[in-house]
Amino acid sequence: MSRINWNKAQPTSITHAIELCSLYAREKRNLSVERIAELMGQPSHHSLYKWMSEGRMPAVLIRPFEYACGVSFVSRYLAHSAQYLTLKIPSGARAEARDINALQGSLTSAVGALIDFHDSRLSQEQCIGVLTEALENLAWHRCNVEKTDCPELSLFEEQNHNV
């Protein structure tokens, strides 16, 4: 199995989003499904396995699940499926060169994905994922520029704003 680039991963279905969360928790936080269920306050991990297979997790448990896993693929999928973009709220801090470079990379990838899609070398689902990532990166920079006059404190901000 190939390694997942977590900064570029885009869920394609609710079951895929739940699977990505659990894979991220296992790879990045060394958490088993049993441990995730325990952190969610669930009496048994069997219900979590059922939700993962059916994609029918109760809405009130989505945030505890994502918090336990350390990533929010389910919320992102729900927003994307309703035709909304998602982005972490920027603080208005000065962007670093690597942030601008990552933006340029995602925009270049988006143009390449469009070319590949129209040449029938890329599926619609894959193309949409690359385009969504580029749009979200661009929107993050737009919001960050808006907030430069009045930056927020970065008390609770994570180091990596892309995941």
Protein backbone atom coordinates (compact mmCIF):
# COMPACT_ATOMS: atom_id res chain seq x y z
CA MET A 1 0.00 0.00 0.00
CA SER A 2 1.36 3.41 -0.94
CA ARG A 3 1.80 6.10 1.68
CA ILE A 4 -0.85 8.78 1.83
CA ASN A 5 0.16 12.43 1.45
CA TRP A 6 -2.06 13.78 4.24
CA ASN A 7 -1.81 17.38 3.03
CA LYS A 8 -3.34 16.40 -0.32
CA ALA A 9 -5.79 13.67 0.76
CA GLN A 10 -9.38 14.42 -0.26
CA PRO A 11 -12.26 12.15 0.82
CA THR A 12 -14.47 10.91 -2.00
CA SER A 13 -17.31 9.42 0.07
CA ILE A 14 -18.43 9.34 3.68
CA THR A 15 -16.98 5.85 4.17
CA HIS A 16 -13.71 6.99 2.59
CA ALA A 17 -13.64 10.02 4.92
CA ILE A 18 -14.13 7.81 8.00
CA GLU A 19 -11.47 5.41 6.71
CA LEU A 20 -9.01 8.29 6.11
CA CYS A 21 -9.57 9.53 9.68
CA SER A 22 -8.88 6.10 11.15
CA LEU A 23 -5.80 5.59 8.92
CA TYR A 24 -4.47 9.00 9.95
CA ALA A 25 -5.02 8.16 13.62
CA ARG A 26 -3.15 4.88 13.19
CA GLU A 27 -0.27 6.35 11.19
CA LYS A 28 0.22 9.71 12.91
CA ARG A 29 -1.07 9.10 16.45
CA ASN A 30 -0.57 5.33 16.78
CA LEU A 31 -4.23 4.79 17.70
CA SER A 32 -6.19 1.61 17.06
CA VAL A 33 -9.92 1.63 16.35
CA GLU A 34 -10.44 0.35 19.90
CA ARG A 35 -8.50 3.30 21.31
CA ILE A 36 -10.39 5.79 19.10
CA ALA A 37 -13.70 4.40 20.40
CA GLU A 38 -12.41 4.71 23.96
CA LEU A 39 -11.38 8.35 23.40
CA MET A 40 -14.85 9.02 21.97
CA GLY A 41 -16.42 7.65 25.15
CA GLN A 42 -18.01 4.69 23.36
CA PRO A 43 -18.64 1.59 25.47
CA SER A 44 -17.65 -0.73 22.61
CA HIS A 45 -15.47 -0.44 19.53
CA HIS A 46 -17.85 -2.70 17.59
CA SER A 47 -20.24 0.19 16.89
CA LEU A 48 -17.33 2.20 15.44
CA TYR A 49 -16.47 -0.68 13.08
CA LYS A 50 -20.13 -0.78 12.01
CA TRP A 51 -20.21 2.97 11.34
CA MET A 52 -16.98 2.69 9.39
CA SER A 53 -18.35 -0.06 7.14
CA GLU A 54 -21.77 1.52 6.57
CA GLY A 55 -20.84 5.22 6.67
CA ARG A 56 -23.69 5.89 9.10
CA MET A 57 -22.00 7.57 12.04
CA PRO A 58 -24.41 9.62 14.21
CA ALA A 59 -23.87 13.33 13.57
CA VAL A 60 -23.28 14.10 17.27
CA LEU A 61 -20.29 11.73 17.22
CA ILE A 62 -18.53 13.16 14.15
CA ARG A 63 -16.59 15.84 16.06
CA PRO A 64 -15.56 13.49 18.93
CA PHE A 65 -14.41 10.97 16.28
CA GLU A 66 -12.41 13.59 14.40
CA TYR A 67 -10.98 15.01 17.61
CA ALA A 68 -9.84 11.54 18.69
CA CYS A 69 -8.31 10.90 15.26
CA GLY A 70 -6.69 14.34 15.05
CA VAL A 71 -8.06 15.18 11.59
CA SER A 72 -11.38 16.32 10.12
CA PHE A 73 -11.97 14.43 6.87
CA VAL A 74 -15.63 13.65 7.67
CA SER A 75 -16.55 17.31 8.22
CA ARG A 76 -14.62 18.27 5.11
CA TYR A 77 -16.42 15.64 3.02
CA LEU A 78 -19.81 16.78 4.30
CA ALA A 79 -19.01 20.38 3.39
CA HIS A 80 -17.62 19.43 -0.03
CA SER A 81 -20.65 17.26 -0.81
CA ALA A 82 -22.85 20.31 -0.13
CA GLN A 83 -20.72 22.34 -2.60
CA TYR A 84 -18.81 24.30 0.09
CA LEU A 85 -15.07 24.77 0.39
CA THR A 86 -13.39 24.29 3.74
CA LEU A 87 -10.30 25.93 5.14
CA LYS A 88 -8.71 26.40 8.49
CA ILE A 89 -9.26 29.91 9.76
CA PRO A 90 -6.03 31.87 9.17
CA SER A 91 -4.64 34.13 11.86
CA GLY A 92 -3.38 36.94 9.64
CA ALA A 93 0.24 36.10 10.39
CA ARG A 94 2.85 36.79 7.74
CA ALA A 95 3.05 33.88 5.28
CA GLU A 96 6.38 32.14 4.95
CA ALA A 97 8.07 31.31 1.66
CA ARG A 98 7.12 27.63 2.00
CA ASP A 99 3.43 28.63 2.31
CA ILE A 100 3.58 30.58 -0.95
CA ASN A 101 5.56 27.77 -2.57
CA ALA A 102 2.92 25.22 -1.49
CA LEU A 103 0.21 27.44 -2.98
CA GLN A 104 2.11 27.64 -6.29
CA GLY A 105 2.52 23.85 -6.26
CA SER A 106 -1.19 23.24 -5.68
CA LEU A 107 -2.17 25.70 -8.45
CA THR A 108 0.27 24.06 -10.88
CA SER A 109 -1.13 20.65 -9.93
CA ALA A 110 -4.66 21.94 -10.55
CA VAL A 111 -3.81 23.10 -14.07
CA GLY A 112 -2.07 19.78 -14.75
CA ALA A 113 -5.11 17.88 -13.44
CA LEU A 114 -7.41 19.85 -15.76
CA ILE A 115 -5.20 19.03 -18.74
CA ASP A 116 -5.08 15.35 -17.75
CA PHE A 117 -8.84 15.23 -17.19
CA HIS A 118 -9.64 16.73 -20.58
CA ASP A 119 -7.15 14.31 -22.20
CA SER A 120 -8.96 11.41 -20.42
CA ARG A 121 -5.91 10.53 -18.29
CA LEU A 122 -7.49 11.47 -14.95
CA SER A 123 -10.86 10.56 -13.48
CA GLN A 124 -13.44 13.19 -12.64
CA GLU A 125 -13.17 12.31 -8.93
CA GLN A 126 -9.37 12.73 -8.90
CA CYS A 127 -9.54 16.01 -10.82
CA ILE A 128 -12.13 17.44 -8.43
CA GLY A 129 -9.92 16.51 -5.46
CA VAL A 130 -6.91 18.36 -6.89
CA LEU A 131 -9.01 21.39 -7.84
CA THR A 132 -10.63 21.51 -4.38
CA GLU A 133 -7.23 21.47 -2.70
CA ALA A 134 -6.01 24.37 -4.85
CA LEU A 135 -9.17 26.40 -4.22
CA GLU A 136 -8.91 25.85 -0.47
CA ASN A 137 -5.23 26.87 -0.43
CA LEU A 138 -6.00 30.02 -2.40
CA ALA A 139 -8.97 30.85 -0.12
CA TRP A 140 -6.76 30.41 2.96
CA HIS A 141 -4.25 32.92 1.58
CA ARG A 142 -7.06 35.33 0.68
CA CYS A 143 -8.40 35.23 4.26
CA ASN A 144 -4.91 35.54 5.66
CA VAL A 145 -4.29 38.69 3.59
CA GLU A 146 -7.62 40.11 4.82
CA LYS A 147 -6.54 39.67 8.43
CA THR A 148 -3.03 41.14 8.15
CA ASP A 149 -4.14 44.54 9.48
CA CYS A 150 -5.51 42.91 12.63
CA PRO A 151 -3.78 39.54 13.19
CA GLU A 152 -5.09 37.12 15.80
CA LEU A 153 -3.09 35.43 18.52
CA SER A 154 -1.95 31.97 17.50
CA LEU A 155 -2.50 30.34 20.89
CA PHE A 156 -4.29 27.26 19.60
CA GLU A 157 -3.09 27.17 16.01
CA GLU A 158 -1.42 23.99 14.82
CA GLN A 159 1.90 24.10 13.01
CA ASN A 160 0.51 22.66 9.76
CA HIS A 161 -2.59 24.47 8.49
CA ASN A 162 -3.18 22.16 5.51
CA VAL A 163 -4.38 18.99 7.19
